[in-house]
N, C-alpha and C. Protein backbone atom coordinates (compact mmCIF):
# COMPACT_ATOMS: atom_id res chain seq x y z
N UNK A 1 85.70 116.20 124.63
CA UNK A 1 85.45 114.97 125.35
C UNK A 1 86.21 114.01 124.32
N UNK A 2 86.50 112.95 125.13
CA UNK A 2 87.25 111.76 124.20
C UNK A 2 86.37 110.52 124.08
N UNK A 3 86.86 109.67 123.29
CA UNK A 3 85.93 108.72 123.21
C UNK A 3 86.56 107.09 123.25
N UNK A 4 85.98 106.17 123.94
CA UNK A 4 86.69 104.88 124.10
C UNK A 4 85.69 103.94 123.38
N UNK A 5 85.92 103.23 122.36
CA UNK A 5 85.23 102.65 121.61
C UNK A 5 85.53 101.02 121.96
N UNK A 6 84.48 100.17 122.40
CA UNK A 6 84.54 98.84 122.89
C UNK A 6 83.62 98.03 121.99
N UNK A 7 83.94 96.70 121.82
CA UNK A 7 83.16 95.80 121.17
C UNK A 7 81.90 95.87 121.95
N UNK A 8 80.78 95.67 121.17
CA UNK A 8 79.42 95.75 121.91
C UNK A 8 79.06 94.62 122.60
N UNK A 9 78.36 94.68 123.72
CA UNK A 9 77.58 93.44 124.23
C UNK A 9 78.78 92.64 124.95
N UNK A 10 79.77 93.17 125.49
CA UNK A 10 80.89 92.55 126.13
C UNK A 10 80.93 93.21 127.44
N UNK A 11 79.90 93.65 128.10
CA UNK A 11 79.92 94.38 129.48
C UNK A 11 80.70 93.65 130.47
N UNK A 12 81.70 94.22 131.27
CA UNK A 12 82.41 93.62 132.06
C UNK A 12 83.58 92.48 131.38
N UNK A 13 83.92 92.51 130.26
CA UNK A 13 84.57 91.33 129.81
C UNK A 13 85.95 91.99 129.51
N UNK A 14 86.94 91.35 129.83
CA UNK A 14 88.35 92.02 129.89
C UNK A 14 88.60 91.90 128.13
N UNK A 15 89.40 92.99 127.59
CA UNK A 15 89.99 92.70 126.44
C UNK A 15 88.93 93.37 125.32
N UNK A 16 87.94 94.09 125.58
CA UNK A 16 86.83 94.30 124.91
C UNK A 16 87.13 95.66 124.29
N UNK A 17 88.28 96.41 124.54
CA UNK A 17 88.51 97.74 123.82
C UNK A 17 88.95 97.44 122.54
N UNK A 18 88.34 98.55 121.45
CA UNK A 18 88.68 98.36 120.17
C UNK A 18 89.40 99.56 119.60
N UNK A 19 89.07 100.72 119.91
CA UNK A 19 89.62 101.94 119.45
C UNK A 19 89.44 103.01 120.50
N UNK A 20 90.14 104.13 120.24
CA UNK A 20 90.07 105.31 121.06
C UNK A 20 89.98 106.34 120.04
N UNK A 21 89.39 107.62 120.51
CA UNK A 21 89.38 108.85 119.61
C UNK A 21 89.47 110.00 120.53
N UNK A 22 90.07 110.98 120.06
CA UNK A 22 90.41 112.06 120.98
C UNK A 22 89.39 113.25 121.08
N UNK A 23 88.54 112.99 119.86
CA UNK A 23 87.22 114.17 119.61
C UNK A 23 86.25 113.44 118.44
N UNK A 24 85.34 114.27 118.54
CA UNK A 24 84.19 113.62 117.64
C UNK A 24 84.68 113.65 116.23
N UNK A 25 85.60 114.41 115.64
CA UNK A 25 85.85 114.28 114.42
C UNK A 25 86.78 113.17 114.19
N UNK A 26 87.65 112.74 115.05
CA UNK A 26 88.56 111.38 114.89
C UNK A 26 87.56 110.20 114.98
N UNK A 27 86.41 110.46 115.99
CA UNK A 27 85.43 109.21 116.11
C UNK A 27 84.90 109.03 114.73
N UNK A 28 84.56 110.23 114.03
CA UNK A 28 83.65 109.97 112.81
C UNK A 28 84.59 109.55 111.59
N UNK A 29 85.78 109.54 111.91
CA UNK A 29 86.78 109.09 110.81
C UNK A 29 87.36 107.74 110.81
N UNK A 30 86.87 107.01 111.93
CA UNK A 30 87.37 105.78 112.48
C UNK A 30 86.92 104.51 111.39
N UNK A 31 86.40 104.71 110.36
CA UNK A 31 85.76 103.77 109.44
C UNK A 31 84.96 102.68 110.17
N UNK A 32 84.03 103.00 111.09
CA UNK A 32 83.09 102.36 111.87
C UNK A 32 81.87 102.46 111.72
N UNK A 33 80.98 101.26 111.67
CA UNK A 33 79.59 101.67 111.84
C UNK A 33 79.39 101.60 113.37
N UNK A 34 79.23 102.88 113.74
CA UNK A 34 79.28 103.18 115.43
C UNK A 34 78.25 102.36 116.23
N UNK A 35 77.05 102.22 115.42
CA UNK A 35 76.07 101.46 116.06
C UNK A 35 76.34 99.92 116.58
N UNK A 36 77.46 99.50 115.84
CA UNK A 36 77.92 98.20 116.34
C UNK A 36 78.90 98.13 117.27
N UNK A 37 79.15 99.15 118.06
CA UNK A 37 80.24 99.33 119.23
C UNK A 37 79.53 99.99 120.38
N UNK A 38 80.22 99.73 121.79
CA UNK A 38 79.85 100.58 122.77
C UNK A 38 80.68 101.64 122.82
N UNK A 39 80.39 102.81 122.86
CA UNK A 39 81.15 104.15 122.89
C UNK A 39 81.05 104.83 124.14
N UNK A 40 81.88 104.97 124.72
CA UNK A 40 81.82 105.74 126.38
C UNK A 40 82.62 107.15 125.98
N UNK A 41 82.14 107.93 126.48
CA UNK A 41 82.65 109.42 126.67
C UNK A 41 83.44 109.21 127.77
N UNK A 42 84.98 109.62 127.62
CA UNK A 42 85.86 109.63 128.89
C UNK A 42 86.52 111.23 128.79
N UNK A 43 87.04 111.13 130.11
CA UNK A 43 87.85 112.42 130.33
C UNK A 43 89.01 112.61 129.38
N UNK A 44 89.77 113.82 129.27
CA UNK A 44 90.76 113.90 128.46
C UNK A 44 91.95 113.53 129.32
N UNK A 45 91.81 113.68 130.46
CA UNK A 45 93.02 112.87 131.36
C UNK A 45 93.57 111.58 131.19
N UNK A 46 92.25 110.86 131.12
CA UNK A 46 92.33 109.47 130.86
C UNK A 46 92.70 109.15 129.40
N UNK A 47 92.20 109.79 128.48
CA UNK A 47 92.67 109.61 127.01
C UNK A 47 94.10 109.96 126.96
N UNK A 48 94.61 111.06 127.53
CA UNK A 48 96.08 111.35 127.42
C UNK A 48 96.99 110.14 128.03
N UNK A 49 96.42 109.68 129.10
CA UNK A 49 97.32 108.44 129.72
C UNK A 49 97.33 107.22 128.95
N UNK A 50 96.21 107.14 128.38
CA UNK A 50 96.20 105.82 127.21
C UNK A 50 96.81 106.15 125.98
N UNK A 51 96.57 107.29 125.71
CA UNK A 51 97.43 107.75 124.39
C UNK A 51 98.93 107.54 124.53
N UNK A 52 99.47 107.91 125.77
CA UNK A 52 100.89 107.66 126.11
C UNK A 52 101.38 106.56 126.39
N UNK A 53 100.44 105.57 126.62
CA UNK A 53 100.64 104.10 126.80
C UNK A 53 101.17 103.94 128.41
N UNK A 54 100.66 104.85 129.12
CA UNK A 54 100.89 104.78 130.68
C UNK A 54 99.75 103.81 131.23
N UNK A 55 98.74 103.70 130.66
CA UNK A 55 97.55 102.92 131.22
C UNK A 55 96.83 102.46 129.99
N UNK A 56 96.10 101.36 130.26
CA UNK A 56 95.17 100.69 129.23
C UNK A 56 93.76 100.27 129.65
N UNK A 57 92.74 100.78 128.69
CA UNK A 57 91.71 100.20 129.23
C UNK A 57 91.39 98.81 129.05
N UNK A 58 90.75 98.20 129.97
CA UNK A 58 90.65 96.67 129.97
C UNK A 58 89.40 96.33 129.68
N UNK A 59 88.26 97.03 130.41
CA UNK A 59 86.87 96.51 129.97
C UNK A 59 86.01 97.77 130.54
N UNK A 60 84.69 97.56 130.09
CA UNK A 60 83.71 98.66 130.55
C UNK A 60 82.75 97.81 131.48
N UNK A 61 82.02 98.52 132.32
CA UNK A 61 80.68 98.12 132.87
C UNK A 61 79.84 99.25 132.89
N UNK A 62 78.92 99.02 132.19
CA UNK A 62 77.94 100.17 131.64
C UNK A 62 78.63 101.29 131.02
N UNK A 63 78.76 102.46 131.96
CA UNK A 63 79.53 103.57 131.38
C UNK A 63 80.98 103.86 132.02
N UNK A 64 81.27 102.91 132.85
CA UNK A 64 82.62 103.00 133.50
C UNK A 64 83.74 102.14 133.03
N UNK A 65 84.82 102.70 132.89
CA UNK A 65 85.79 101.99 132.10
C UNK A 65 86.75 101.43 133.31
N UNK A 66 87.29 100.43 133.25
CA UNK A 66 88.41 99.92 134.22
C UNK A 66 89.86 99.88 133.56
N UNK A 67 90.81 100.65 134.09
CA UNK A 67 92.12 100.67 133.46
C UNK A 67 93.16 99.84 134.41
N UNK A 68 94.15 99.48 133.76
CA UNK A 68 95.26 99.15 134.26
C UNK A 68 96.39 100.08 134.04
N UNK A 69 97.36 100.49 135.03
CA UNK A 69 98.33 101.16 134.85
C UNK A 69 99.54 100.35 134.78
N UNK A 70 100.69 100.71 133.93
CA UNK A 70 101.92 100.27 133.83
C UNK A 70 102.86 101.00 133.61
N UNK A 71 104.28 100.88 133.76
CA UNK A 71 105.49 101.54 133.48
C UNK A 71 105.96 100.75 132.23
N UNK A 72 106.59 101.15 131.39
CA UNK A 72 107.37 100.72 130.15
C UNK A 72 108.61 100.78 130.25
N UNK A 73 109.44 99.84 129.95
CA UNK A 73 110.67 99.56 130.08
C UNK A 73 111.24 98.93 129.02
N UNK A 74 112.05 99.74 127.99
CA UNK A 74 112.54 98.92 126.57
C UNK A 74 113.95 99.03 126.59
N UNK A 75 114.43 97.72 126.06
CA UNK A 75 115.90 97.79 125.89
C UNK A 75 115.72 97.82 124.43
N UNK A 76 116.95 97.92 123.69
CA UNK A 76 116.94 98.35 122.19
C UNK A 76 116.36 97.50 121.48
N UNK A 77 116.30 96.09 121.82
CA UNK A 77 115.60 95.18 120.94
C UNK A 77 114.19 95.09 121.08
N UNK A 78 113.93 95.39 122.39
CA UNK A 78 112.08 95.51 122.43
C UNK A 78 111.89 96.59 121.79
N UNK A 79 112.31 97.88 121.86
CA UNK A 79 111.79 99.13 121.14
C UNK A 79 111.84 99.03 119.80
N UNK A 80 112.82 98.07 119.21
CA UNK A 80 112.69 97.71 117.63
C UNK A 80 111.48 97.13 117.37
N UNK A 81 111.31 96.03 118.09
CA UNK A 81 109.96 95.03 118.04
C UNK A 81 108.93 95.83 117.91
N UNK A 82 108.65 96.76 119.01
CA UNK A 82 107.60 97.53 119.45
C UNK A 82 107.35 98.55 117.95
N UNK A 83 108.34 99.08 117.52
CA UNK A 83 108.10 100.02 116.38
C UNK A 83 108.00 99.25 115.28
N UNK A 84 108.53 98.10 114.92
CA UNK A 84 108.18 97.28 113.76
C UNK A 84 106.51 96.96 113.95
N UNK A 85 105.92 96.67 114.78
CA UNK A 85 104.76 96.36 115.06
C UNK A 85 103.82 97.48 114.71
N UNK A 86 104.15 98.71 115.06
CA UNK A 86 103.43 99.98 114.79
C UNK A 86 103.68 100.28 113.45
N UNK A 87 104.84 100.10 112.83
CA UNK A 87 104.91 100.45 111.33
C UNK A 87 103.98 99.44 110.61
N UNK A 88 104.01 98.12 110.72
CA UNK A 88 103.27 97.08 110.01
C UNK A 88 101.99 97.59 109.99
N UNK A 89 101.34 97.97 111.16
CA UNK A 89 99.89 98.11 111.37
C UNK A 89 99.46 99.57 110.50
N UNK A 90 100.35 100.52 110.71
CA UNK A 90 100.23 101.77 110.10
C UNK A 90 100.41 101.53 108.44
N UNK A 91 101.15 100.92 108.07
CA UNK A 91 101.56 100.56 106.46
C UNK A 91 100.08 99.99 106.18
N UNK A 92 99.60 99.02 106.64
CA UNK A 92 98.50 98.31 106.41
C UNK A 92 97.29 99.19 106.04
N UNK A 93 97.14 100.20 107.15
CA UNK A 93 96.09 101.24 107.03
C UNK A 93 96.44 101.91 105.83
N UNK A 94 97.55 102.57 105.64
CA UNK A 94 98.04 103.42 104.68
C UNK A 94 97.60 102.73 103.11
N UNK A 95 98.13 101.46 103.06
CA UNK A 95 97.86 100.66 101.92
C UNK A 95 96.51 100.62 101.28
N UNK A 96 95.36 100.55 102.21
CA UNK A 96 94.15 100.40 102.14
C UNK A 96 93.29 101.70 102.22
N UNK A 97 93.93 102.68 102.60
CA UNK A 97 92.96 103.88 102.92
C UNK A 97 93.75 105.25 102.16
N UNK A 98 93.92 105.19 101.01
CA UNK A 98 94.76 106.35 100.46
C UNK A 98 93.85 107.46 100.40
N UNK A 99 92.56 107.56 100.47
CA UNK A 99 91.72 108.71 100.30
C UNK A 99 91.30 109.12 101.65
N UNK A 100 91.66 108.40 102.76
CA UNK A 100 91.24 108.57 104.19
C UNK A 100 91.55 110.07 104.72
N UNK A 101 90.79 110.87 105.45
CA UNK A 101 91.01 112.16 105.87
C UNK A 101 92.21 112.15 106.71
N UNK A 102 92.48 111.19 107.44
CA UNK A 102 93.61 111.17 108.43
C UNK A 102 94.94 110.44 107.74
N UNK A 103 94.82 110.12 106.28
CA UNK A 103 96.09 109.51 105.79
C UNK A 103 97.31 110.13 106.16
N UNK A 104 97.31 111.51 105.76
CA UNK A 104 98.58 112.20 105.84
C UNK A 104 99.03 112.34 107.22
N UNK A 105 98.26 112.33 108.35
CA UNK A 105 98.70 112.28 109.77
C UNK A 105 99.31 110.88 109.93
N UNK A 106 98.79 109.74 109.41
CA UNK A 106 99.44 108.55 109.86
C UNK A 106 100.80 108.19 108.80
N UNK A 107 100.66 108.84 107.72
CA UNK A 107 101.92 108.74 106.83
C UNK A 107 103.03 109.71 107.36
N UNK A 108 102.58 110.63 107.94
CA UNK A 108 103.78 111.48 108.77
C UNK A 108 104.38 110.54 109.77
N UNK A 109 103.47 110.18 110.62
CA UNK A 109 103.72 109.45 111.87
C UNK A 109 104.79 108.15 111.47
N UNK A 110 104.29 107.38 110.30
CA UNK A 110 105.11 106.33 109.86
C UNK A 110 106.54 106.85 109.28
N UNK A 111 106.43 108.03 108.69
CA UNK A 111 107.83 108.51 108.37
C UNK A 111 108.60 108.94 109.65
N UNK A 112 108.20 109.25 110.58
CA UNK A 112 108.70 109.67 111.87
C UNK A 112 109.20 108.10 112.49
N UNK A 113 108.47 107.32 112.52
CA UNK A 113 108.89 106.04 113.16
C UNK A 113 110.20 105.62 112.25
N UNK A 114 110.09 105.52 110.87
CA UNK A 114 111.04 105.09 110.00
C UNK A 114 112.33 105.83 110.23
N UNK A 115 112.22 107.17 110.48
CA UNK A 115 113.55 107.98 110.54
C UNK A 115 114.11 108.00 112.05
N UNK A 116 113.52 107.34 113.03
CA UNK A 116 113.81 107.26 114.37
C UNK A 116 115.03 106.42 114.60
N UNK A 117 115.92 106.99 115.04
CA UNK A 117 117.37 106.32 115.40
C UNK A 117 117.40 105.79 116.76
N UNK A 118 117.33 104.68 116.86
CA UNK A 118 117.41 103.90 118.21
C UNK A 118 118.67 104.13 118.96
N UNK A 119 119.87 104.58 118.16
CA UNK A 119 120.86 104.61 118.75
C UNK A 119 121.17 106.01 119.69
N UNK A 120 120.06 106.85 119.46
CA UNK A 120 120.12 108.18 120.23
C UNK A 120 119.51 107.79 121.72
N UNK A 121 119.03 106.72 121.96
CA UNK A 121 118.51 106.72 123.31
C UNK A 121 119.55 106.02 124.31
N UNK A 122 119.26 106.35 125.44
CA UNK A 122 119.88 105.52 126.75
C UNK A 122 119.13 104.48 127.13
N UNK A 123 119.51 103.22 127.15
CA UNK A 123 118.71 102.20 127.58
C UNK A 123 119.02 101.84 129.14
N UNK A 124 118.12 101.29 129.90
CA UNK A 124 116.93 101.11 129.29
C UNK A 124 115.90 102.21 129.44
N UNK A 125 114.99 102.25 128.24
CA UNK A 125 114.12 103.32 128.24
C UNK A 125 112.96 103.24 129.24
N UNK A 126 113.01 104.03 130.31
CA UNK A 126 111.94 103.89 131.07
C UNK A 126 110.74 104.68 131.20
N UNK A 127 110.23 104.84 129.78
CA UNK A 127 108.95 105.22 129.36
C UNK A 127 108.39 104.77 128.15
N UNK A 128 107.40 104.91 127.74
CA UNK A 128 106.90 104.62 126.53
C UNK A 128 107.41 105.37 125.31
N UNK A 129 107.40 104.79 124.27
CA UNK A 129 107.86 105.71 123.08
C UNK A 129 107.07 106.67 122.98
N UNK A 130 105.63 106.66 123.11
CA UNK A 130 104.85 107.75 122.94
C UNK A 130 105.21 109.00 123.84
N UNK A 131 105.49 108.61 125.18
CA UNK A 131 105.93 109.66 126.10
C UNK A 131 107.41 110.29 125.69
N UNK A 132 108.15 109.38 125.11
CA UNK A 132 109.46 109.76 124.55
C UNK A 132 109.30 110.94 123.39
N UNK A 133 108.51 110.51 122.47
CA UNK A 133 108.09 111.58 121.55
C UNK A 133 107.39 112.79 122.10
N UNK A 134 106.59 112.61 123.14
CA UNK A 134 105.96 113.81 123.75
C UNK A 134 107.03 114.81 124.36
N UNK A 135 107.96 114.11 125.04
CA UNK A 135 108.90 114.80 125.71
C UNK A 135 109.88 115.77 124.63
N UNK A 136 109.98 115.11 123.42
CA UNK A 136 110.67 115.80 122.39
C UNK A 136 109.84 116.65 121.52
N UNK A 137 108.79 116.94 121.94
CA UNK A 137 107.62 117.76 121.29
C UNK A 137 107.43 117.31 119.79
N UNK A 138 107.45 116.06 119.54
CA UNK A 138 107.15 115.14 118.26
C UNK A 138 105.70 114.62 118.46
N UNK A 139 105.13 114.51 117.20
CA UNK A 139 103.75 113.80 117.18
C UNK A 139 103.87 112.56 117.90
N UNK A 140 102.62 112.14 118.52
CA UNK A 140 102.73 110.85 119.07
C UNK A 140 101.05 110.29 118.98
N UNK A 141 101.03 108.95 118.89
CA UNK A 141 99.68 108.41 118.66
C UNK A 141 99.72 106.99 119.39
N UNK A 142 98.49 106.55 119.91
CA UNK A 142 98.45 105.23 120.38
C UNK A 142 97.80 104.64 119.11
N UNK A 143 98.06 103.23 118.93
CA UNK A 143 97.78 102.48 117.88
C UNK A 143 96.30 102.37 117.79
N UNK A 144 95.67 102.48 119.17
CA UNK A 144 94.21 102.28 119.14
C UNK A 144 93.56 103.63 118.38
N UNK A 145 94.29 104.39 118.16
CA UNK A 145 93.77 105.69 117.35
C UNK A 145 93.62 105.30 115.64
N UNK A 146 94.33 104.44 115.36
CA UNK A 146 94.41 104.22 113.78
C UNK A 146 93.02 103.86 113.41
N UNK A 147 92.53 104.51 112.34
CA UNK A 147 91.57 104.06 111.82
C UNK A 147 91.16 102.86 111.34
């Protein structure tokens, strides 16, 4: 079972998603006091779609999550900007969590992003970066999974 972590006491409020976790172990490694958040168990199918950035959790109502679906289209400049945002967030985590159990996973992903050659893509890229990596059998993560 996967988990979606929302800011607590924001029932039916847009933008209340905080993190996602693919399993109990990842949930336990999020550096959170879980009692401060609303945690909803969700299907693997919905988790996979969010992880691939094909849909996004918008809000929750009791135990039900509302999603929006979208298709991603990147030109080279937009993809570079997106990658830079990811790299900055991951680097911030790495700088402050050298002993975290998921440190190496995120360090490897940062290296993958740093070594990614944008010139190998045909633009516009009509899918998310995460889906592109999946198609290449490379690791991919949604930034909401970052502890």
